[in-house]
Amino acid sequence: MADSILRNPDGQFTSERARKDGRVCGRRQPDVVIEARRQKLYKRQLEGKTTRQLVLEHAATEQIGIETAWSDWRKVKSWNDEDWEKDREKMVSRLQGMRMKLFNQAMKKGQLQTAAQVLDSLGRVLGESVENININAPQLSISVEDKKK
């Protein structure tokens, strides 16, 4: 049975079966070009746009099909997951450094509420939470005995 050929919004021909199978339709780019294109998308992901906006703009600027742009996004997403796994251990110390810098700046500018929130955040990381404070507090137990007649 022949594939039904559809023209996507960019004017490229893409078959329904090829999109489902992940096959390439049309002109195949060298791996270096594909990698550079994906790296551009990786760099742009911090612009504050939604995923769909990024992918659609990526397709337009790189003059590729929507399916190819989504394929690039899946690769970028896997890079993000890989980066997170590599940096997870280092992230706590980096966050602590940023918190300390933020605390010092808030104190210099007299922003005491911000400084207090940063201190609360630092305390939670160090294990000082309401539950821990309540556990360490002394427990008082009062019981009332019945009157003896």
N, C-alpha and C. Protein backbone atom coordinates (compact mmCIF):
# COMPACT_ATOMS: atom_id res chain seq x y z
N MET A 1 0.84 -1.17 0.00
CA MET A 1 0.00 0.00 0.00
C MET A 1 0.89 1.24 0.00
N ALA A 2 0.57 2.18 -0.82
CA ALA A 2 1.40 3.37 -0.97
C ALA A 2 1.17 4.33 0.18
N ASP A 3 2.24 5.04 0.58
CA ASP A 3 2.11 6.07 1.61
C ASP A 3 1.28 7.22 1.06
N SER A 4 0.48 7.80 1.92
CA SER A 4 -0.20 9.02 1.50
C SER A 4 0.78 10.16 1.72
N ILE A 5 1.00 10.93 0.70
CA ILE A 5 1.97 12.02 0.78
C ILE A 5 1.24 13.30 1.14
N LEU A 6 1.74 13.97 2.15
CA LEU A 6 1.16 15.21 2.61
C LEU A 6 2.19 16.31 2.52
N ARG A 7 1.74 17.50 2.21
CA ARG A 7 2.63 18.65 2.20
C ARG A 7 2.45 19.35 3.54
N ASN A 8 3.53 19.46 4.31
CA ASN A 8 3.41 20.10 5.61
C ASN A 8 3.39 21.62 5.44
N PRO A 9 3.17 22.38 6.52
CA PRO A 9 3.06 23.85 6.39
C PRO A 9 4.29 24.52 5.79
N ASP A 10 5.46 23.90 5.87
CA ASP A 10 6.66 24.49 5.29
C ASP A 10 6.83 24.16 3.82
N GLY A 11 5.87 23.42 3.27
CA GLY A 11 5.93 23.11 1.85
C GLY A 11 6.73 21.86 1.53
N GLN A 12 7.24 21.17 2.54
CA GLN A 12 8.01 19.95 2.29
C GLN A 12 7.06 18.77 2.22
N PHE A 13 7.42 17.77 1.43
CA PHE A 13 6.62 16.56 1.36
C PHE A 13 7.05 15.61 2.47
N THR A 14 6.08 15.14 3.22
CA THR A 14 6.36 14.20 4.30
C THR A 14 5.28 13.13 4.28
N SER A 15 5.68 11.87 4.29
CA SER A 15 4.67 10.81 4.29
C SER A 15 4.23 10.52 5.71
N GLU A 16 2.99 10.08 5.82
CA GLU A 16 2.42 9.76 7.13
C GLU A 16 3.21 8.65 7.81
N ARG A 17 3.54 7.61 7.08
CA ARG A 17 4.27 6.48 7.66
C ARG A 17 5.69 6.89 8.05
N ALA A 18 6.31 7.73 7.25
CA ALA A 18 7.67 8.16 7.56
C ALA A 18 7.70 8.94 8.87
N ARG A 19 6.69 9.77 9.10
CA ARG A 19 6.65 10.53 10.35
C ARG A 19 6.47 9.60 11.54
N LYS A 20 5.65 8.57 11.39
CA LYS A 20 5.44 7.62 12.48
C LYS A 20 6.69 6.79 12.75
N ASP A 21 7.39 6.40 11.70
CA ASP A 21 8.59 5.57 11.85
C ASP A 21 9.83 6.37 12.20
N GLY A 22 9.75 7.70 12.07
CA GLY A 22 10.91 8.54 12.36
C GLY A 22 11.91 8.58 11.21
N ARG A 23 11.50 8.13 10.03
CA ARG A 23 12.40 8.16 8.89
C ARG A 23 12.52 9.58 8.35
N VAL A 24 13.59 9.81 7.66
CA VAL A 24 13.84 11.12 7.08
C VAL A 24 13.22 11.17 5.70
N CYS A 25 12.47 12.22 5.44
CA CYS A 25 11.91 12.43 4.11
C CYS A 25 12.56 13.67 3.53
N GLY A 26 12.88 13.62 2.28
CA GLY A 26 13.49 14.79 1.65
C GLY A 26 14.99 14.74 1.79
N ARG A 27 15.59 15.92 1.75
CA ARG A 27 17.04 16.05 1.75
C ARG A 27 17.59 15.78 3.14
N ARG A 28 18.61 14.96 3.24
CA ARG A 28 19.25 14.61 4.51
C ARG A 28 20.45 15.53 4.72
N GLN A 29 20.49 16.18 5.88
CA GLN A 29 21.59 17.08 6.21
C GLN A 29 22.73 16.28 6.83
N PRO A 30 23.96 16.75 6.67
CA PRO A 30 25.09 16.10 7.36
C PRO A 30 24.92 16.22 8.88
N ASP A 31 25.48 15.26 9.60
CA ASP A 31 25.35 15.23 11.05
C ASP A 31 25.88 16.50 11.70
N VAL A 32 26.90 17.10 11.14
CA VAL A 32 27.48 18.33 11.70
C VAL A 32 26.46 19.46 11.63
N VAL A 33 25.73 19.55 10.54
CA VAL A 33 24.72 20.59 10.38
C VAL A 33 23.57 20.37 11.36
N ILE A 34 23.17 19.12 11.51
CA ILE A 34 22.09 18.79 12.44
C ILE A 34 22.50 19.13 13.87
N GLU A 35 23.71 18.77 14.24
CA GLU A 35 24.22 19.05 15.59
C GLU A 35 24.27 20.56 15.85
N ALA A 36 24.75 21.33 14.89
CA ALA A 36 24.82 22.79 15.05
C ALA A 36 23.41 23.38 15.20
N ARG A 37 22.47 22.87 14.44
CA ARG A 37 21.09 23.34 14.50
C ARG A 37 20.50 23.05 15.88
N ARG A 38 20.75 21.87 16.41
CA ARG A 38 20.25 21.51 17.74
C ARG A 38 20.91 22.34 18.83
N GLN A 39 22.19 22.65 18.66
CA GLN A 39 22.88 23.47 19.65
C GLN A 39 22.30 24.89 19.70
N LYS A 40 21.87 25.40 18.54
CA LYS A 40 21.22 26.71 18.53
C LYS A 40 19.93 26.68 19.34
N LEU A 41 19.16 25.62 19.18
CA LEU A 41 17.92 25.47 19.95
C LEU A 41 18.23 25.33 21.43
N TYR A 42 19.28 24.61 21.76
CA TYR A 42 19.70 24.43 23.16
C TYR A 42 20.02 25.78 23.79
N LYS A 43 20.70 26.64 23.05
CA LYS A 43 21.07 27.96 23.57
C LYS A 43 19.86 28.86 23.75
N ARG A 44 18.84 28.70 22.91
CA ARG A 44 17.68 29.58 22.94
C ARG A 44 16.63 29.18 23.97
N GLN A 45 16.78 28.05 24.61
CA GLN A 45 15.72 27.56 25.48
C GLN A 45 15.53 28.39 26.75
N LEU A 46 16.48 29.23 27.08
CA LEU A 46 16.36 30.05 28.30
C LEU A 46 15.77 31.43 28.03
N GLU A 47 15.16 31.61 26.87
CA GLU A 47 14.59 32.91 26.53
C GLU A 47 13.24 33.16 27.17
N GLY A 48 12.70 32.18 27.89
CA GLY A 48 11.44 32.37 28.58
C GLY A 48 10.22 32.05 27.75
N LYS A 49 10.41 31.46 26.60
CA LYS A 49 9.29 31.10 25.74
C LYS A 49 8.83 29.69 26.04
N THR A 50 7.60 29.39 25.64
CA THR A 50 7.10 28.04 25.84
C THR A 50 7.79 27.09 24.86
N THR A 51 7.67 25.82 25.12
CA THR A 51 8.30 24.82 24.26
C THR A 51 7.77 24.92 22.84
N ARG A 52 6.45 25.05 22.70
CA ARG A 52 5.87 25.14 21.36
C ARG A 52 6.38 26.36 20.61
N GLN A 53 6.48 27.51 21.29
CA GLN A 53 7.01 28.71 20.64
C GLN A 53 8.43 28.47 20.16
N LEU A 54 9.26 27.89 21.03
CA LEU A 54 10.64 27.63 20.65
C LEU A 54 10.73 26.72 19.43
N VAL A 55 9.95 25.66 19.43
CA VAL A 55 10.00 24.69 18.34
C VAL A 55 9.52 25.31 17.03
N LEU A 56 8.42 26.06 17.09
CA LEU A 56 7.90 26.68 15.87
C LEU A 56 8.86 27.73 15.31
N GLU A 57 9.45 28.53 16.19
CA GLU A 57 10.44 29.51 15.74
C GLU A 57 11.69 28.81 15.20
N HIS A 58 12.08 27.72 15.84
CA HIS A 58 13.24 26.94 15.38
C HIS A 58 12.99 26.42 13.96
N ALA A 59 11.78 25.90 13.73
CA ALA A 59 11.44 25.40 12.40
C ALA A 59 11.49 26.51 11.37
N ALA A 60 11.00 27.69 11.73
CA ALA A 60 10.98 28.81 10.79
C ALA A 60 12.39 29.34 10.51
N THR A 61 13.18 29.53 11.55
CA THR A 61 14.51 30.11 11.35
C THR A 61 15.47 29.15 10.67
N GLU A 62 15.35 27.87 10.97
CA GLU A 62 16.25 26.88 10.38
C GLU A 62 15.72 26.31 9.07
N GLN A 63 14.50 26.71 8.71
CA GLN A 63 13.86 26.26 7.47
C GLN A 63 13.79 24.74 7.41
N ILE A 64 13.23 24.18 8.48
CA ILE A 64 13.04 22.73 8.57
C ILE A 64 11.57 22.46 8.86
N GLY A 65 11.16 21.22 8.73
CA GLY A 65 9.79 20.84 9.02
C GLY A 65 9.50 20.84 10.51
N ILE A 66 8.23 20.88 10.83
CA ILE A 66 7.81 20.89 12.22
C ILE A 66 8.23 19.59 12.92
N GLU A 67 8.07 18.47 12.25
CA GLU A 67 8.46 17.19 12.84
C GLU A 67 9.96 17.15 13.12
N THR A 68 10.75 17.70 12.23
CA THR A 68 12.20 17.75 12.44
C THR A 68 12.53 18.66 13.62
N ALA A 69 11.81 19.76 13.74
CA ALA A 69 12.03 20.68 14.86
C ALA A 69 11.69 19.99 16.19
N TRP A 70 10.60 19.22 16.20
CA TRP A 70 10.26 18.48 17.42
C TRP A 70 11.30 17.41 17.71
N SER A 71 11.83 16.81 16.69
CA SER A 71 12.91 15.83 16.87
C SER A 71 14.13 16.50 17.50
N ASP A 72 14.45 17.70 17.02
CA ASP A 72 15.56 18.46 17.61
C ASP A 72 15.27 18.77 19.07
N TRP A 73 14.01 19.11 19.38
CA TRP A 73 13.66 19.42 20.77
C TRP A 73 13.82 18.20 21.66
N ARG A 74 13.44 17.02 21.16
CA ARG A 74 13.60 15.80 21.96
C ARG A 74 15.08 15.57 22.29
N LYS A 75 15.96 15.86 21.34
CA LYS A 75 17.39 15.71 21.58
C LYS A 75 17.87 16.73 22.62
N VAL A 76 17.39 17.97 22.51
CA VAL A 76 17.75 19.01 23.48
C VAL A 76 17.26 18.63 24.86
N LYS A 77 16.06 18.06 24.94
CA LYS A 77 15.51 17.63 26.22
C LYS A 77 16.37 16.53 26.83
N SER A 78 16.86 15.62 26.01
CA SER A 78 17.74 14.56 26.53
C SER A 78 19.06 15.16 27.02
N TRP A 79 19.55 16.19 26.32
CA TRP A 79 20.76 16.87 26.79
C TRP A 79 20.51 17.52 28.15
N ASN A 80 19.34 18.12 28.33
CA ASN A 80 19.01 18.75 29.62
C ASN A 80 19.00 17.71 30.74
N ASP A 81 18.39 16.55 30.47
CA ASP A 81 18.36 15.49 31.47
C ASP A 81 19.77 15.02 31.81
N GLU A 82 20.60 14.89 30.79
CA GLU A 82 21.99 14.47 30.99
C GLU A 82 22.76 15.50 31.81
N ASP A 83 22.56 16.79 31.49
CA ASP A 83 23.22 17.86 32.24
C ASP A 83 22.80 17.84 33.70
N TRP A 84 21.52 17.63 33.94
CA TRP A 84 21.02 17.63 35.32
C TRP A 84 21.64 16.49 36.11
N GLU A 85 21.73 15.31 35.50
CA GLU A 85 22.32 14.17 36.20
C GLU A 85 23.78 14.42 36.53
N LYS A 86 24.51 15.08 35.64
CA LYS A 86 25.93 15.37 35.88
C LYS A 86 26.12 16.42 36.96
N ASP A 87 25.24 17.43 36.98
CA ASP A 87 25.43 18.58 37.87
C ASP A 87 24.68 18.49 39.19
N ARG A 88 23.92 17.45 39.39
CA ARG A 88 23.08 17.37 40.58
C ARG A 88 23.88 17.49 41.87
N GLU A 89 25.02 16.79 41.97
CA GLU A 89 25.82 16.82 43.19
C GLU A 89 26.41 18.20 43.44
N LYS A 90 26.81 18.88 42.38
CA LYS A 90 27.44 20.18 42.52
C LYS A 90 26.42 21.29 42.76
N MET A 91 25.16 21.02 42.43
CA MET A 91 24.14 22.06 42.47
C MET A 91 23.88 22.58 43.88
N VAL A 92 23.92 21.73 44.89
CA VAL A 92 23.65 22.18 46.25
C VAL A 92 24.68 23.21 46.70
N SER A 93 25.94 22.95 46.43
CA SER A 93 26.97 23.91 46.85
C SER A 93 26.84 25.22 46.06
N ARG A 94 26.48 25.13 44.79
CA ARG A 94 26.29 26.35 44.00
C ARG A 94 25.10 27.15 44.52
N LEU A 95 24.02 26.45 44.87
CA LEU A 95 22.85 27.14 45.42
C LEU A 95 23.18 27.81 46.75
N GLN A 96 23.96 27.13 47.57
CA GLN A 96 24.35 27.70 48.85
C GLN A 96 25.16 28.98 48.64
N GLY A 97 26.06 28.94 47.68
CA GLY A 97 26.85 30.14 47.38
C GLY A 97 25.97 31.29 46.90
N MET A 98 24.99 30.98 46.06
CA MET A 98 24.08 32.02 45.57
C MET A 98 23.22 32.57 46.71
N ARG A 99 22.79 31.68 47.61
CA ARG A 99 21.98 32.14 48.75
C ARG A 99 22.79 33.07 49.65
N MET A 100 24.04 32.72 49.90
CA MET A 100 24.88 33.57 50.75
C MET A 100 25.10 34.93 50.10
N LYS A 101 25.33 34.95 48.80
CA LYS A 101 25.51 36.22 48.09
C LYS A 101 24.23 37.04 48.15
N LEU A 102 23.09 36.39 47.95
CA LEU A 102 21.80 37.08 48.03
C LEU A 102 21.56 37.63 49.43
N PHE A 103 21.89 36.84 50.45
CA PHE A 103 21.72 37.30 51.82
C PHE A 103 22.56 38.54 52.09
N ASN A 104 23.82 38.52 51.68
CA ASN A 104 24.70 39.67 51.90
C ASN A 104 24.19 40.91 51.18
N GLN A 105 23.73 40.74 49.95
CA GLN A 105 23.21 41.89 49.21
C GLN A 105 21.93 42.44 49.85
N ALA A 106 21.07 41.54 50.31
CA ALA A 106 19.83 41.98 50.94
C ALA A 106 20.13 42.76 52.23
N MET A 107 21.10 42.29 53.00
CA MET A 107 21.45 42.99 54.23
C MET A 107 22.04 44.36 53.94
N LYS A 108 22.88 44.47 52.91
CA LYS A 108 23.46 45.77 52.55
C LYS A 108 22.40 46.77 52.16
N LYS A 109 21.37 46.30 51.48
CA LYS A 109 20.31 47.20 51.00
C LYS A 109 19.18 47.35 52.00
N GLY A 110 19.27 46.69 53.13
CA GLY A 110 18.24 46.82 54.16
C GLY A 110 16.97 46.05 53.84
N GLN A 111 17.05 45.08 52.99
CA GLN A 111 15.87 44.27 52.64
C GLN A 111 15.79 43.10 53.62
N LEU A 112 15.29 43.39 54.77
CA LEU A 112 15.31 42.42 55.87
C LEU A 112 14.37 41.24 55.61
N GLN A 113 13.24 41.48 54.96
CA GLN A 113 12.32 40.38 54.67
C GLN A 113 12.97 39.36 53.74
N THR A 114 13.66 39.85 52.71
CA THR A 114 14.38 38.96 51.79
C THR A 114 15.47 38.20 52.53
N ALA A 115 16.20 38.91 53.38
CA ALA A 115 17.27 38.26 54.15
C ALA A 115 16.70 37.17 55.05
N ALA A 116 15.54 37.43 55.67
CA ALA A 116 14.92 36.43 56.54
C ALA A 116 14.49 35.20 55.74
N GLN A 117 13.95 35.42 54.54
CA GLN A 117 13.54 34.30 53.70
C GLN A 117 14.75 33.46 53.27
N VAL A 118 15.85 34.13 52.97
CA VAL A 118 17.06 33.40 52.58
C VAL A 118 17.58 32.59 53.76
N LEU A 119 17.54 33.16 54.94
CA LEU A 119 17.98 32.42 56.12
C LEU A 119 17.09 31.21 56.37
N ASP A 120 15.78 31.36 56.17
CA ASP A 120 14.87 30.21 56.31
C ASP A 120 15.24 29.13 55.31
N SER A 121 15.55 29.54 54.09
CA SER A 121 15.92 28.57 53.05
C SER A 121 17.22 27.85 53.42
N LEU A 122 18.19 28.61 53.92
CA LEU A 122 19.45 28.00 54.35
C LEU A 122 19.21 27.02 55.50
N GLY A 123 18.34 27.39 56.41
CA GLY A 123 18.04 26.52 57.55
C GLY A 123 17.38 25.23 57.11
N ARG A 124 16.48 25.30 56.13
CA ARG A 124 15.82 24.07 55.65
C ARG A 124 16.83 23.13 55.02
N VAL A 125 17.79 23.67 54.29
CA VAL A 125 18.81 22.82 53.66
C VAL A 125 19.66 22.14 54.73
N LEU A 126 19.92 22.84 55.80
CA LEU A 126 20.75 22.29 56.87
C LEU A 126 19.96 21.39 57.82
N GLY A 127 18.68 21.22 57.57
CA GLY A 127 17.89 20.32 58.40
C GLY A 127 17.14 21.01 59.51
N GLU A 128 17.17 22.31 59.52
CA GLU A 128 16.45 23.05 60.55
C GLU A 128 15.06 23.38 59.99
N SER A 129 14.10 22.56 60.33
CA SER A 129 12.74 22.81 59.88
C SER A 129 11.83 22.86 61.09
N VAL A 130 10.59 23.20 60.87
CA VAL A 130 9.64 23.29 61.98
C VAL A 130 9.50 21.93 62.66
N GLU A 131 9.50 20.86 61.87
CA GLU A 131 9.38 19.53 62.44
C GLU A 131 10.56 19.20 63.35
N ASN A 132 11.78 19.53 62.87
CA ASN A 132 12.97 19.26 63.68
C ASN A 132 12.99 20.09 64.95
N ILE A 133 12.56 21.32 64.85
CA ILE A 133 12.53 22.18 66.04
C ILE A 133 11.52 21.64 67.04
N ASN A 134 10.37 21.19 66.52
CA ASN A 134 9.35 20.63 67.41
C ASN A 134 9.82 19.32 68.03
N ILE A 135 10.59 18.53 67.31
CA ILE A 135 11.09 17.27 67.85
C ILE A 135 12.09 17.53 68.98
N ASN A 136 12.91 18.56 68.80
CA ASN A 136 13.93 18.86 69.80
C ASN A 136 13.37 19.60 71.01
N ALA A 137 12.18 20.15 70.91
CA ALA A 137 11.59 20.87 72.04
C ALA A 137 11.16 19.87 73.11
N PRO A 138 11.24 20.29 74.36
CA PRO A 138 10.83 19.37 75.43
C PRO A 138 9.32 19.11 75.35
N GLN A 139 8.93 17.92 75.69
CA GLN A 139 7.53 17.53 75.69
C GLN A 139 6.99 17.63 77.11
N LEU A 140 5.92 18.34 77.27
CA LEU A 140 5.26 18.46 78.56
C LEU A 140 4.01 17.61 78.53
N SER A 141 3.81 16.88 79.58
CA SER A 141 2.63 16.04 79.68
C SER A 141 1.93 16.35 80.99
N ILE A 142 0.68 16.75 80.92
CA ILE A 142 -0.08 17.09 82.11
C ILE A 142 -1.27 16.14 82.17
N SER A 143 -1.43 15.52 83.29
CA SER A 143 -2.58 14.65 83.46
C SER A 143 -3.31 15.05 84.74
N VAL A 144 -4.61 14.97 84.70
CA VAL A 144 -5.43 15.33 85.84
C VAL A 144 -6.04 14.05 86.39
N GLU A 145 -5.81 13.82 87.67
CA GLU A 145 -6.33 12.63 88.30
C GLU A 145 -7.71 12.90 88.87
N ASP A 146 -8.51 11.86 88.93
CA ASP A 146 -9.84 11.99 89.52
C ASP A 146 -9.71 12.30 91.00
N LYS A 147 -10.70 13.02 91.52
CA LYS A 147 -10.72 13.30 92.96
C LYS A 147 -11.07 12.04 93.71
N LYS A 148 -10.39 11.84 94.81
CA LYS A 148 -10.69 10.70 95.66
C LYS A 148 -11.63 11.16 96.75
N LYS A 149 -12.66 10.42 96.96
CA LYS A 149 -13.64 10.83 97.99
C LYS A 149 -13.48 10.03 99.22
